Amino acid sequence: MSGAIIDFFPQTNHLKGNYVRLGLVSRIFSGGTPDKGNLDYWEGGDIPWIGSGEVNQGIVQNPTAHITRQAVERSATKLFPKDSLIMALAGQGKTKGTVARMGIDAYGNQSLGCISDYSGESRFLYWWLTSLYREIRNLSSQETRDGLNQSMLGQIPVPLFDLATQRQIADFLDRETARIDLLIEKKQRLVALLAERQVEALEAAVLGGANVQRGNGGEWLSDLAQGWRFIPLKHFVSSKGGATPSKDRDDFWVGEIPWVSPKDMKVDVIEDVPDHVSEAAVKGSALSLIPEGAVLIVVRGMILARYVPVCRLGCEGTINQDMKALISDNRVASSEYLQLMLQGFSSVLMTFVEEAAHGTKKLRSDQLFNMKFPVPPLDVQAGIIRNYLAMRDHNKSLQEKTNSSIDHLKEYRSALITAAVTGQIDVTTYAKSGTPDRHLDAIQEEMGA
């Protein structure tokens, strides 16, 4: 085997035995994509066809699309048989280099490499290639979308374990990784549940007992708690807009005044941002200085297709034209409460989002300012803020511990796969020794999750 290739795979140093090139013990080929412009290839088709993204299924059961018999006969697509393996030769993010098992017969595209007719146990080969994920990706440039090819796959080393040993290792990893994956899934559900409960708690806190009828400009069906009042936003909030100073004026962009745009709206309180403008920019453009404590809201952009970002300015600054700065009358509502109130009504605000020019989204500011919000007395506002922040900090701590536990489980899973496929552990006795249970218990105790 070529020394240049084998150097990519340090796992071979731990193998209990010899290895061989994958191309010598399997058949490796790619498929193709029927012409998308030819409707005869796609309309009414009943033959499964997959793209590279389907490797993320692990075991491919659901095709990307269906094609016709004519597409099979007149294009370069090829059959990837059930029980063969596929690997993404291209793809963004984590897709490239990911391997999956074919749970169905399906035709595939040119961005997939199919590994068929393996002379050993295909489940073992799946786990072996999974353990080499990073090394396989590094065979090609990280910037190259079509970095991997069939020749590279053919050079990958494969252990020469006997068939019985391969099956024992595959059985062990099928069983043990399923246990780990179940734990990871439970913890991921817990993280999602904590986030959902936090949203629900905030919504309940700022409603004041009112039952909002969404999408009708802010009409409520039930009475408010004692001391609360329905007040149109425009009666206790003023606003300022923003702008983008000329990019041709270098002197406009060498200052120390933060210039906030929607991409910066990922935190609760903005203390600083990457972009800054000068005093000359404020004087020589449509920019306005926004006071510290103002609540910022995005009113234009594709982010509004998902949610309405709201945060608070922790310093004096400026904003661009896709945002509004809301300045609350502190005799009616504190800026901290205004922020929480708008965040709590995020689902209602989404009903004010509509299509703008060039396909982007915009928030109807007129509807927002005419909307009547339930506003409690200032002392009640302070209590809501205090209780919500305490709950948020508690949830954040639980989420961080749980996410850390998930990371540890993933690391243990990866290490277990490598140890098993290289023969560093005896899989016939490892589980019986209780070692996997002790590892999982240790992760649970260490993270307190």
Protein backbone atom coordinates (compact mmCIF):
# COMPACT_ATOMS: atom_id res chain seq x y z
CA MET A 1 0.00 0.00 0.00
CA SER A 2 1.18 3.52 -0.79
CA GLY A 3 2.98 5.03 2.18
CA ALA A 4 1.45 8.43 1.36
CA ILE A 5 -2.05 6.99 1.83
CA ILE A 6 -1.41 4.73 4.79
CA ASP A 7 0.12 7.64 6.71
CA PHE A 8 -3.40 9.10 6.91
CA PHE A 9 -4.60 6.16 9.02
CA PRO A 10 -2.78 5.85 12.39
CA GLN A 11 -5.41 3.29 13.45
CA THR A 12 -3.43 0.67 11.52
CA ASN A 13 -0.67 0.98 14.14
CA HIS A 14 -3.05 -0.58 16.69
CA LEU A 15 -4.32 -3.43 14.52
CA LYS A 16 -3.96 -6.96 15.83
CA GLY A 17 -3.03 -8.36 12.41
CA ASN A 18 -2.51 -7.30 8.80
CA TYR A 19 -4.63 -5.16 6.51
CA VAL A 20 -5.50 -4.91 2.84
CA ARG A 21 -6.69 -2.15 0.51
CA LEU A 22 -10.46 -1.78 0.36
CA GLY A 23 -10.40 -1.85 -3.43
CA LEU A 24 -9.03 -5.40 -3.38
CA VAL A 25 -11.85 -6.84 -1.25
CA SER A 26 -14.88 -4.92 -2.58
CA ARG A 27 -16.38 -3.25 -5.63
CA ILE A 28 -16.45 0.56 -5.48
CA PHE A 29 -18.50 2.67 -7.88
CA SER A 30 -20.58 5.85 -8.09
CA GLY A 31 -23.93 6.72 -9.60
CA GLY A 32 -25.41 9.70 -11.36
CA THR A 33 -28.26 12.19 -11.38
CA PRO A 34 -30.87 11.92 -14.13
CA ASP A 35 -31.49 15.20 -15.96
CA LYS A 36 -33.67 17.29 -13.63
CA GLY A 37 -35.06 19.12 -16.64
CA ASN A 38 -36.47 15.94 -18.15
CA LEU A 39 -39.81 15.35 -16.46
CA ASP A 40 -40.01 11.88 -18.01
CA TYR A 41 -37.22 10.88 -15.64
CA TRP A 42 -39.01 12.04 -12.47
CA GLU A 43 -42.78 12.37 -12.82
CA GLY A 44 -44.64 9.22 -11.84
CA GLY A 45 -41.44 7.42 -10.92
CA ASP A 46 -41.50 4.61 -8.36
CA ILE A 47 -37.82 3.63 -8.25
CA PRO A 48 -35.96 4.91 -5.13
CA TRP A 49 -33.08 7.32 -5.77
CA ILE A 50 -30.79 8.91 -3.17
CA GLY A 51 -28.47 11.89 -2.88
CA SER A 52 -25.42 12.31 -0.64
CA GLY A 53 -27.39 13.81 2.24
CA GLU A 54 -29.07 10.47 2.93
CA VAL A 55 -25.88 9.12 4.53
CA ASN A 56 -27.02 10.94 7.65
CA GLN A 57 -29.78 8.35 8.07
CA GLY A 58 -27.19 5.79 9.21
CA ILE A 59 -29.25 3.00 7.70
CA VAL A 60 -30.86 4.35 4.53
CA GLN A 61 -34.57 3.58 4.49
CA ASN A 62 -36.03 6.75 2.93
CA PRO A 63 -35.02 7.81 -0.59
CA THR A 64 -34.48 11.40 -1.66
CA ALA A 65 -36.84 10.99 -4.60
CA HIS A 66 -38.23 8.45 -7.02
CA ILE A 67 -37.24 8.10 -10.67
CA THR A 68 -38.66 6.29 -13.67
CA ARG A 69 -37.36 3.23 -15.51
CA GLN A 70 -36.49 5.55 -18.39
CA ALA A 71 -34.19 7.53 -16.06
CA VAL A 72 -32.39 4.33 -15.04
CA GLU A 73 -31.86 3.29 -18.65
CA ARG A 74 -30.76 6.68 -20.00
CA SER A 75 -28.62 8.19 -17.21
CA ALA A 76 -25.47 7.34 -15.29
CA THR A 77 -27.29 6.44 -12.08
CA LYS A 78 -26.51 2.99 -10.70
CA LEU A 79 -28.13 0.59 -8.28
CA PHE A 80 -26.81 0.66 -4.73
CA PRO A 81 -27.99 -2.72 -3.42
CA LYS A 82 -29.44 -3.36 0.01
CA ASP A 83 -26.76 -4.24 2.63
CA SER A 84 -24.03 -2.46 0.66
CA LEU A 85 -22.32 0.60 2.13
CA ILE A 86 -22.34 4.13 0.76
CA MET A 87 -20.01 7.04 1.51
CA ALA A 88 -20.52 10.70 0.70
CA LEU A 89 -17.75 11.79 -1.65
CA ALA A 90 -18.96 15.39 -1.45
CA GLY A 91 -21.20 17.53 0.68
CA GLN A 92 -21.06 20.43 3.08
CA GLY A 93 -20.71 20.32 6.84
CA LYS A 94 -20.19 16.83 8.23
CA THR A 95 -21.61 14.96 5.24
CA LYS A 96 -18.41 14.29 3.27
CA GLY A 97 -16.77 11.07 4.44
CA THR A 98 -19.85 9.87 6.32
CA VAL A 99 -20.68 6.20 5.72
CA ALA A 100 -24.12 4.55 5.87
CA ARG A 101 -25.67 1.14 5.30
CA MET A 102 -28.22 0.60 2.55
CA GLY A 103 -31.43 -0.63 4.11
CA ILE A 104 -33.18 -0.70 0.71
CA ASP A 105 -32.30 -1.15 -2.94
CA ALA A 106 -31.92 2.34 -4.41
CA TYR A 107 -30.19 4.13 -7.23
CA GLY A 108 -27.73 6.84 -6.27
CA ASN A 109 -26.02 9.98 -7.50
CA GLN A 110 -22.44 10.84 -8.45
CA SER A 111 -21.62 12.30 -5.02
CA LEU A 112 -21.88 8.89 -3.40
CA GLY A 113 -19.45 6.02 -3.47
CA CYS A 114 -21.05 2.58 -3.16
CA ILE A 115 -19.00 -0.18 -1.55
CA SER A 116 -20.50 -3.48 -2.60
CA ASP A 117 -19.57 -7.17 -2.67
CA TYR A 118 -17.27 -6.88 0.36
CA SER A 119 -15.62 -10.23 1.01
CA GLY A 120 -16.19 -9.97 4.78
CA GLU A 121 -18.97 -8.81 7.11
CA SER A 122 -20.37 -5.51 5.77
CA ARG A 123 -21.49 -4.42 9.25
CA PHE A 124 -17.89 -4.68 10.46
CA LEU A 125 -16.73 -2.65 7.45
CA TYR A 126 -19.31 0.01 8.34
CA TRP A 127 -17.90 0.36 11.84
CA TRP A 128 -14.31 0.31 10.56
CA LEU A 129 -14.97 3.11 8.06
CA THR A 130 -16.90 5.05 10.72
CA SER A 131 -13.79 4.96 12.93
CA LEU A 132 -11.76 6.45 10.05
CA TYR A 133 -14.14 9.38 9.42
CA ARG A 134 -11.69 12.21 10.14
CA GLU A 135 -8.83 10.53 8.33
CA ILE A 136 -10.97 9.87 5.24
CA ARG A 137 -12.08 13.50 5.12
CA ASN A 138 -8.45 14.58 5.29
CA LEU A 139 -7.67 12.66 2.10
CA SER A 140 -9.07 15.67 0.28
CA SER A 141 -9.02 19.41 0.77
CA GLN A 142 -11.58 20.61 3.30
CA GLU A 143 -12.54 23.41 0.89
CA THR A 144 -13.18 21.03 -2.01
CA ARG A 145 -16.77 19.93 -2.36
CA ASP A 146 -15.84 16.99 -4.65
CA GLY A 147 -12.71 16.09 -2.72
CA LEU A 148 -13.10 12.31 -2.39
CA ASN A 149 -13.14 9.83 -5.25
CA GLN A 150 -13.33 6.11 -5.88
CA SER A 151 -9.56 5.77 -6.14
CA MET A 152 -9.09 7.23 -2.67
CA LEU A 153 -11.70 4.89 -1.21
CA GLY A 154 -9.95 1.94 -2.83
CA GLN A 155 -6.74 2.81 -0.98
CA ILE A 156 -8.32 2.77 2.49
CA PRO A 157 -6.80 0.02 4.65
CA VAL A 158 -9.10 -2.72 5.97
CA PRO A 159 -8.16 -5.25 8.70
CA LEU A 160 -7.79 -8.90 7.68
CA PHE A 161 -9.79 -10.33 10.59
CA ASP A 162 -11.50 -13.67 10.01
CA LEU A 163 -15.23 -13.59 9.30
CA ALA A 164 -16.23 -14.84 12.77
CA THR A 165 -14.22 -12.09 14.45
CA GLN A 166 -15.70 -9.44 12.19
CA ARG A 167 -19.21 -10.57 13.10
CA GLN A 168 -18.43 -10.61 16.81
CA ILE A 169 -17.11 -7.04 16.61
CA ALA A 170 -20.12 -5.90 14.56
CA ASP A 171 -22.58 -7.53 16.97
CA PHE A 172 -20.81 -5.91 19.93
CA LEU A 173 -20.81 -2.43 18.38
CA ASP A 174 -24.40 -2.71 17.14
CA ARG A 175 -25.46 -3.46 20.71
CA GLU A 176 -23.23 -1.09 22.68
CA THR A 177 -23.58 1.95 20.40
CA ALA A 178 -27.36 1.49 20.46
CA ARG A 179 -27.23 1.83 24.27
CA ILE A 180 -25.10 4.95 24.03
CA ASP A 181 -27.25 6.46 21.28
CA LEU A 182 -30.36 5.94 23.41
CA LEU A 183 -28.76 7.83 26.29
CA ILE A 184 -27.70 10.64 23.96
CA GLU A 185 -31.20 10.86 22.52
CA LYS A 186 -32.75 11.08 26.00
CA LYS A 187 -30.38 13.85 27.00
CA GLN A 188 -31.01 15.77 23.78
CA ARG A 189 -34.74 15.56 24.48
CA LEU A 190 -34.09 16.93 27.98
CA VAL A 191 -32.19 19.92 26.56
CA ALA A 192 -35.04 20.60 24.12
CA LEU A 193 -37.63 20.21 26.89
CA LEU A 194 -35.84 22.72 29.12
CA ALA A 195 -35.83 25.23 26.27
CA GLU A 196 -39.54 24.66 25.58
CA ARG A 197 -40.48 25.06 29.24
CA GLN A 198 -38.50 28.29 29.46
CA VAL A 199 -40.42 29.71 26.50
CA GLU A 200 -43.74 28.57 27.97
CA ALA A 201 -42.91 30.06 31.37
CA LEU A 202 -42.03 33.43 29.84
CA GLU A 203 -45.20 33.48 27.75
CA ALA A 204 -47.31 32.74 30.83
CA ALA A 205 -45.51 35.36 32.94
CA VAL A 206 -46.05 38.25 30.51
CA LEU A 207 -49.66 37.38 29.68
CA GLY A 208 -50.95 38.32 33.10
CA GLY A 209 -53.75 35.78 32.86
CA ALA A 210 -54.97 37.01 29.47
CA ASN A 211 -55.83 34.54 26.74
CA VAL A 212 -54.50 36.07 23.54
CA GLN A 213 -56.26 35.57 20.25
CA ARG A 214 -53.38 35.52 17.81
CA GLY A 215 -53.27 37.40 14.55
CA ASN A 216 -56.03 39.95 15.07
CA GLY A 217 -54.01 42.95 16.18
CA GLY A 218 -53.91 42.04 19.85
CA GLU A 219 -57.38 41.26 21.19
CA TRP A 220 -57.62 39.23 24.41
CA LEU A 221 -60.51 37.11 25.53
CA SER A 222 -60.06 37.06 29.29
CA ASP A 223 -59.47 39.53 32.09
CA LEU A 224 -56.05 40.52 33.31
CA ALA A 225 -54.67 40.02 36.77
CA GLN A 226 -55.38 42.78 39.24
CA GLY A 227 -53.36 45.94 38.59
CA TRP A 228 -52.49 44.99 35.00
CA ARG A 229 -53.56 47.23 32.10
CA PHE A 230 -53.91 46.81 28.33
CA ILE A 231 -51.74 49.55 26.78
CA PRO A 232 -50.92 50.06 23.08
CA LEU A 233 -47.17 49.84 22.60
CA LYS A 234 -47.10 53.29 20.98
CA HIS A 235 -48.38 54.85 24.22
CA PHE A 236 -45.29 53.94 26.26
CA VAL A 237 -42.56 53.25 23.69
CA SER A 238 -40.83 55.54 21.20
CA SER A 239 -38.63 54.27 18.40
CA LYS A 240 -35.54 55.12 16.40
CA GLY A 241 -34.46 53.70 13.08
CA GLY A 242 -31.03 53.02 11.67
CA ALA A 243 -28.95 53.26 8.53
CA THR A 244 -25.77 52.07 6.86
CA PRO A 245 -23.18 54.83 6.43
CA SER A 246 -21.44 55.06 3.07
CA LYS A 247 -18.87 52.31 2.60
CA ASP A 248 -16.94 54.73 0.40
CA ARG A 249 -16.10 56.90 3.40
CA ASP A 250 -13.26 55.18 5.25
CA ASP A 251 -13.48 57.78 8.01
CA PHE A 252 -17.02 56.61 8.78
CA TRP A 253 -15.79 53.13 9.79
CA VAL A 254 -12.81 53.85 12.05
CA GLY A 255 -14.65 54.95 15.17
CA GLU A 256 -15.58 53.35 18.47
CA ILE A 257 -19.38 53.53 18.31
CA PRO A 258 -20.98 50.06 17.96
CA TRP A 259 -23.01 49.58 14.78
CA VAL A 260 -25.49 46.75 15.31
CA SER A 261 -27.02 44.67 12.52
CA PRO A 262 -29.31 41.60 12.67
CA LYS A 263 -26.36 39.20 12.67
CA ASP A 264 -25.40 40.56 16.12
CA MET A 265 -28.82 39.79 17.65
CA LYS A 266 -27.83 36.44 19.14
CA VAL A 267 -27.44 37.51 22.77
CA ASP A 268 -29.78 38.98 25.39
CA VAL A 269 -27.65 42.08 25.99
CA ILE A 270 -25.29 43.58 23.41
CA GLU A 271 -22.20 45.06 25.02
CA ASP A 272 -20.14 45.36 21.83
CA VAL A 273 -20.15 44.20 18.21
CA PRO A 274 -17.51 43.69 15.49
CA ASP A 275 -18.55 46.75 13.46
CA HIS A 276 -17.96 50.31 14.67
CA VAL A 277 -18.57 53.74 13.22
CA SER A 278 -17.20 57.18 13.95
CA GLU A 279 -18.85 60.36 15.19
CA ALA A 280 -18.41 61.67 11.66
CA ALA A 281 -20.61 58.83 10.43
CA VAL A 282 -23.34 59.78 12.87
CA LYS A 283 -23.19 63.41 11.80
CA GLY A 284 -22.84 62.69 8.09
CA SER A 285 -25.50 60.01 7.64
CA ALA A 286 -29.00 59.01 8.70
CA LEU A 287 -27.64 57.25 11.79
CA SER A 288 -28.96 58.12 15.24
CA LEU A 289 -27.27 57.43 18.54
CA ILE A 290 -29.27 54.83 20.46
CA PRO A 291 -29.14 55.12 24.26
CA GLU A 292 -27.99 52.30 26.51
CA GLY A 293 -30.91 50.15 27.62
CA ALA A 294 -32.90 50.52 24.40
CA VAL A 295 -34.59 47.34 23.20
CA LEU A 296 -33.60 46.33 19.68
CA ILE A 297 -35.86 44.39 17.33
CA VAL A 298 -35.30 43.17 13.77
CA VAL A 299 -37.96 44.44 11.35
CA ARG A 300 -36.55 43.25 8.01
CA GLY A 301 -34.62 40.20 6.85
CA MET A 302 -34.93 36.48 6.21
CA ILE A 303 -34.35 35.72 9.91
CA LEU A 304 -37.99 36.78 10.34
CA ALA A 305 -39.02 33.62 8.53
CA ARG A 306 -38.04 31.74 11.71
CA TYR A 307 -38.42 34.15 14.63
CA VAL A 308 -38.32 37.83 15.64
CA PRO A 309 -34.95 38.61 17.32
CA VAL A 310 -35.19 40.91 20.35
CA CYS A 311 -32.32 42.03 22.59
CA ARG A 312 -31.23 44.96 24.74
CA LEU A 313 -28.42 47.42 24.10
CA GLY A 314 -25.90 47.39 26.94
CA CYS A 315 -24.08 50.48 25.71
CA GLU A 316 -24.69 53.52 23.54
CA GLY A 317 -24.64 52.56 19.89
CA THR A 318 -26.19 52.69 16.42
CA ILE A 319 -28.20 50.24 14.31
CA ASN A 320 -28.71 49.52 10.65
CA GLN A 321 -31.85 50.05 8.60
CA ASP A 322 -33.22 46.53 9.18
CA MET A 323 -33.84 47.21 12.86
CA LYS A 324 -35.75 49.44 15.24
CA ALA A 325 -34.65 50.68 18.65
CA LEU A 326 -37.49 50.82 21.19
CA ILE A 327 -37.15 53.24 24.10
CA SER A 328 -39.55 52.60 26.94
CA ASP A 329 -41.16 55.16 29.24
CA ASN A 330 -39.73 53.82 32.51
CA ARG A 331 -42.75 55.15 34.38
CA VAL A 332 -44.80 52.47 32.61
CA ALA A 333 -42.36 49.66 31.85
CA SER A 334 -38.66 49.14 32.44
CA SER A 335 -36.48 48.37 29.43
CA GLU A 336 -35.70 44.94 30.94
CA TYR A 337 -39.40 44.15 31.15
CA LEU A 338 -40.07 45.48 27.63
CA GLN A 339 -37.47 43.07 26.31
CA LEU A 340 -38.98 40.09 28.16
CA MET A 341 -42.48 41.09 27.15
CA LEU A 342 -41.61 41.18 23.44
CA GLN A 343 -39.69 37.90 23.70
CA GLY A 344 -42.66 36.34 25.45
CA PHE A 345 -44.95 37.48 22.65
CA SER A 346 -42.64 36.22 19.92
CA SER A 347 -45.26 33.88 18.45
CA VAL A 348 -47.74 36.76 18.26
CA LEU A 349 -45.15 39.04 16.64
CA MET A 350 -44.62 36.38 13.97
CA THR A 351 -48.20 37.00 12.81
CA PHE A 352 -47.11 40.53 11.85
CA VAL A 353 -44.37 39.24 9.52
CA GLU A 354 -45.10 39.39 5.80
CA GLU A 355 -43.34 39.18 2.46
CA ALA A 356 -41.33 42.23 1.44
CA ALA A 357 -39.61 43.22 -1.79
CA HIS A 358 -37.14 40.77 -3.36
CA GLY A 359 -38.57 37.86 -1.39
CA THR A 360 -37.30 38.96 2.02
CA LYS A 361 -39.46 39.31 5.16
CA LYS A 362 -40.58 42.37 7.10
CA LEU A 363 -42.32 43.02 10.41
CA ARG A 364 -45.30 45.36 10.16
CA SER A 365 -44.19 48.08 12.58
CA ASP A 366 -47.57 49.79 12.44
CA GLN A 367 -49.29 46.64 13.72
CA LEU A 368 -46.64 46.18 16.39
CA PHE A 369 -47.09 49.73 17.76
CA ASN A 370 -50.88 49.56 17.65
CA MET A 371 -50.96 46.27 19.49
CA LYS A 372 -52.23 46.37 23.07
CA PHE A 373 -49.92 44.63 25.52
CA PRO A 374 -50.81 43.57 29.07
CA VAL A 375 -48.58 45.68 31.34
CA PRO A 376 -48.27 45.01 35.09
CA PRO A 377 -47.28 47.48 37.83
CA LEU A 378 -43.56 48.20 38.09
CA ASP A 379 -43.10 46.11 41.25
CA VAL A 380 -44.75 43.12 39.53
CA GLN A 381 -42.48 43.67 36.52
CA ALA A 382 -39.45 43.51 38.80
CA GLY A 383 -40.68 40.24 40.30
CA ILE A 384 -41.30 38.71 36.87
CA ILE A 385 -37.82 39.70 35.75
CA ARG A 386 -36.22 38.31 38.89
CA ASN A 387 -38.08 34.98 38.75
CA TYR A 388 -37.55 34.49 35.04
CA LEU A 389 -33.83 35.22 35.19
CA ALA A 390 -33.42 32.78 38.09
CA MET A 391 -35.24 30.08 36.15
CA ARG A 392 -33.25 30.85 32.99
CA ASP A 393 -29.92 30.62 34.82
CA HIS A 394 -30.98 27.33 36.41
CA ASN A 395 -32.02 25.92 33.04
CA LYS A 396 -28.81 27.15 31.44
CA SER A 397 -26.77 25.33 34.08
CA LEU A 398 -28.73 22.10 33.48
CA GLN A 399 -28.41 22.45 29.72
CA GLU A 400 -24.66 23.02 29.93
CA LYS A 401 -24.18 19.97 32.16
CA THR A 402 -26.37 17.85 29.92
CA ASN A 403 -24.64 19.00 26.72
CA SER A 404 -21.27 18.28 28.32
CA SER A 405 -22.53 14.82 29.22
CA ILE A 406 -23.62 14.31 25.61
CA ASP A 407 -20.14 15.31 24.41
CA HIS A 408 -18.55 12.80 26.79
CA LEU A 409 -20.89 10.06 25.57
CA LYS A 410 -19.98 10.82 21.95
CA GLU A 411 -16.29 10.72 22.81
CA TYR A 412 -16.70 7.39 24.59
CA ARG A 413 -18.70 6.03 21.65
CA SER A 414 -15.96 7.01 19.21
CA ALA A 415 -13.22 5.53 21.40
CA LEU A 416 -15.17 2.30 21.88
CA ILE A 417 -15.62 1.89 18.11
CA THR A 418 -11.92 2.41 17.47
CA ALA A 419 -10.87 0.02 20.24
CA ALA A 420 -13.24 -2.68 18.96
CA VAL A 421 -12.46 -2.52 15.24
CA THR A 422 -8.70 -2.48 15.82
CA GLY A 423 -8.85 -5.47 18.14
CA GLN A 424 -7.59 -3.56 21.19
CA ILE A 425 -10.40 -5.03 23.28
CA ASP A 426 -11.78 -8.56 23.35
CA VAL A 427 -15.42 -7.98 22.52
CA THR A 428 -16.39 -11.48 23.68
CA THR A 429 -15.52 -10.62 27.29
CA TYR A 430 -15.57 -6.81 27.41
CA ALA A 431 -19.31 -6.40 27.93
CA LYS A 432 -19.47 -9.25 30.44
CA SER A 433 -16.77 -7.58 32.53
CA GLY A 434 -19.12 -4.66 33.19
CA THR A 435 -16.64 -2.13 31.77
CA PRO A 436 -19.15 -0.40 29.47
CA ASP A 437 -21.60 0.02 32.36
CA ARG A 438 -18.90 1.52 34.56
CA HIS A 439 -17.90 3.97 31.81
CA LEU A 440 -21.49 5.13 31.34
CA ASP A 441 -22.06 5.40 35.09
CA ALA A 442 -18.87 7.45 35.44
CA ILE A 443 -20.01 9.89 32.75
CA GLN A 444 -23.36 10.28 34.48
CA GLU A 445 -21.82 10.88 37.91
CA GLU A 446 -19.10 13.20 36.63
CA MET A 447 -21.57 15.48 34.87
CA GLY A 448 -24.29 15.26 37.50
CA ALA A 449 -26.80 14.84 34.69
